[in-house]
């Protein structure tokens, strides 16, 4: 991935940088900046500004934040590999890591300044702690898992949908110890009344919930922001959210997610068939439960973006590797057995596995090619931004504010934007938080020296009379959709 030569992999990158800049300057994250996300990711990004130096000209603001997200991506990659190693062995663990790397949008999200992938990384680590506790019975895994999940919620609240699943599995693991190393044991604590042993699984679950709550509260305190569940969670679950995005079809988009990973989907189906068909532990069914739960939740969520796929990719790859292992073992052991001697039960998984393996072999080079083409698109898009960036720099010494619906452009040139438009998102426009009266009042209040509009045509129409009277346009010959205005008294 062209980590530092691409200006933005997603418009949300500019929003995250603008939020972090405003937070670093002391603006309230929910009242003035109108953030609708948990505060921890903004806190982490803003903490890098003293290192970068806001006025620094030799470092781009996205340099260290992208490295930070890349570190979380490596954590996700490593954690999934460890889970697969524990369940299937080293060979299939490496196979799973390869599948994850070329899965849909994983590399793009690995270098995008967005909170989704870091949140899923910590949620997956919480599952990893559960698996390790089931193996070893050591209480440190309860603590680590709870802390990881609490911090995951502070990065992005959509991992909350995994909380019931984790809670149920912690209870299952606590109720079904494998040996006396696990949980509370009369041999270890003879002074505890025997009547309390019935409650020991609930105590373990309570410890996990308690550690998660502590981590969540500590993250909120570190951010120095009051708990605002209305902005962090309720705004994403409003009933009228569906009506605001009438052209969005979440179920269709969810099906497109799976069609784009048809080879993984078929292999995952084979893996799920093996788990459900033959005796297996509750933990082996975990990726099925995760995938079903996430699919149902995302199928009812609007709008559904490509970056939501990161909620599906870990369990899908997890199951796909199981399917790959089953197909590999089946062909290895049965290669020389005559077809007529096979049981009819073997016909379905064998033919199904053939289709899945062939499709996987055909799809892998196609996916690698598409990743390369996507990178070239981002590099071309970055080149289209260059005239606008050059104009921004030309007048930077006379600029106090830049009004824009594309915050990455002023962020890349170290120019501030009003905190009220740091989150210039489709949701705010759709809900009417950003409307004609509001943007006209805001631009008249700040009197920005430069204005850049390129995302929302309605905003251009709202501001057209004021801009034509007080600004002159600086056209971008490469990207005519981006309109750059300079205040008339600036020369």
Foldseek 3Di string as FASTA:
>chain_A
DPQPLFLALDLVLLLLLQLLVCLLVPDANCPFLVALAFCLLSVVLNVCCVVVPLQDDPDFSLPVLLVVLLVLLVLQLVLLLVVCCVVPNNVLSVVLSVCQVLAPCSVVSSRHSALLSSLVSLQSLLLSLLVVCLVQQDLVSLLSSLLSNLVSCNSAVPCVLCVVVSLVSLLVSQVDHPDPSHWDDCVVVVVDDPVCVVCRSVVSSVSSPVSSVVNNVVSCVSSVHPDDCCSHPVLQVDPCLCVLCVVAQQQVVLVVSCVLVVLLQLLLVQLCCVPVVDPDDPSSCSLVVQQVSLSVVSNPGPPRDSSSCSSNSSSSSVSSSSSVVVQVVCCVVCVPPDPVPDDPVVVVSNVSSVVSVVVVVVCVVVSVVVVVVSVVVSSVVSVLCVVVLVVCLVQVVVWQEEAELSSSSCSRVSHHYRSHNSPSDPSCVSVVVDDLVVVVVVCVVVVTQKYKYADDVRNCVSCVVVQVVFWDWDARVSDRSIIMTGGPVGD
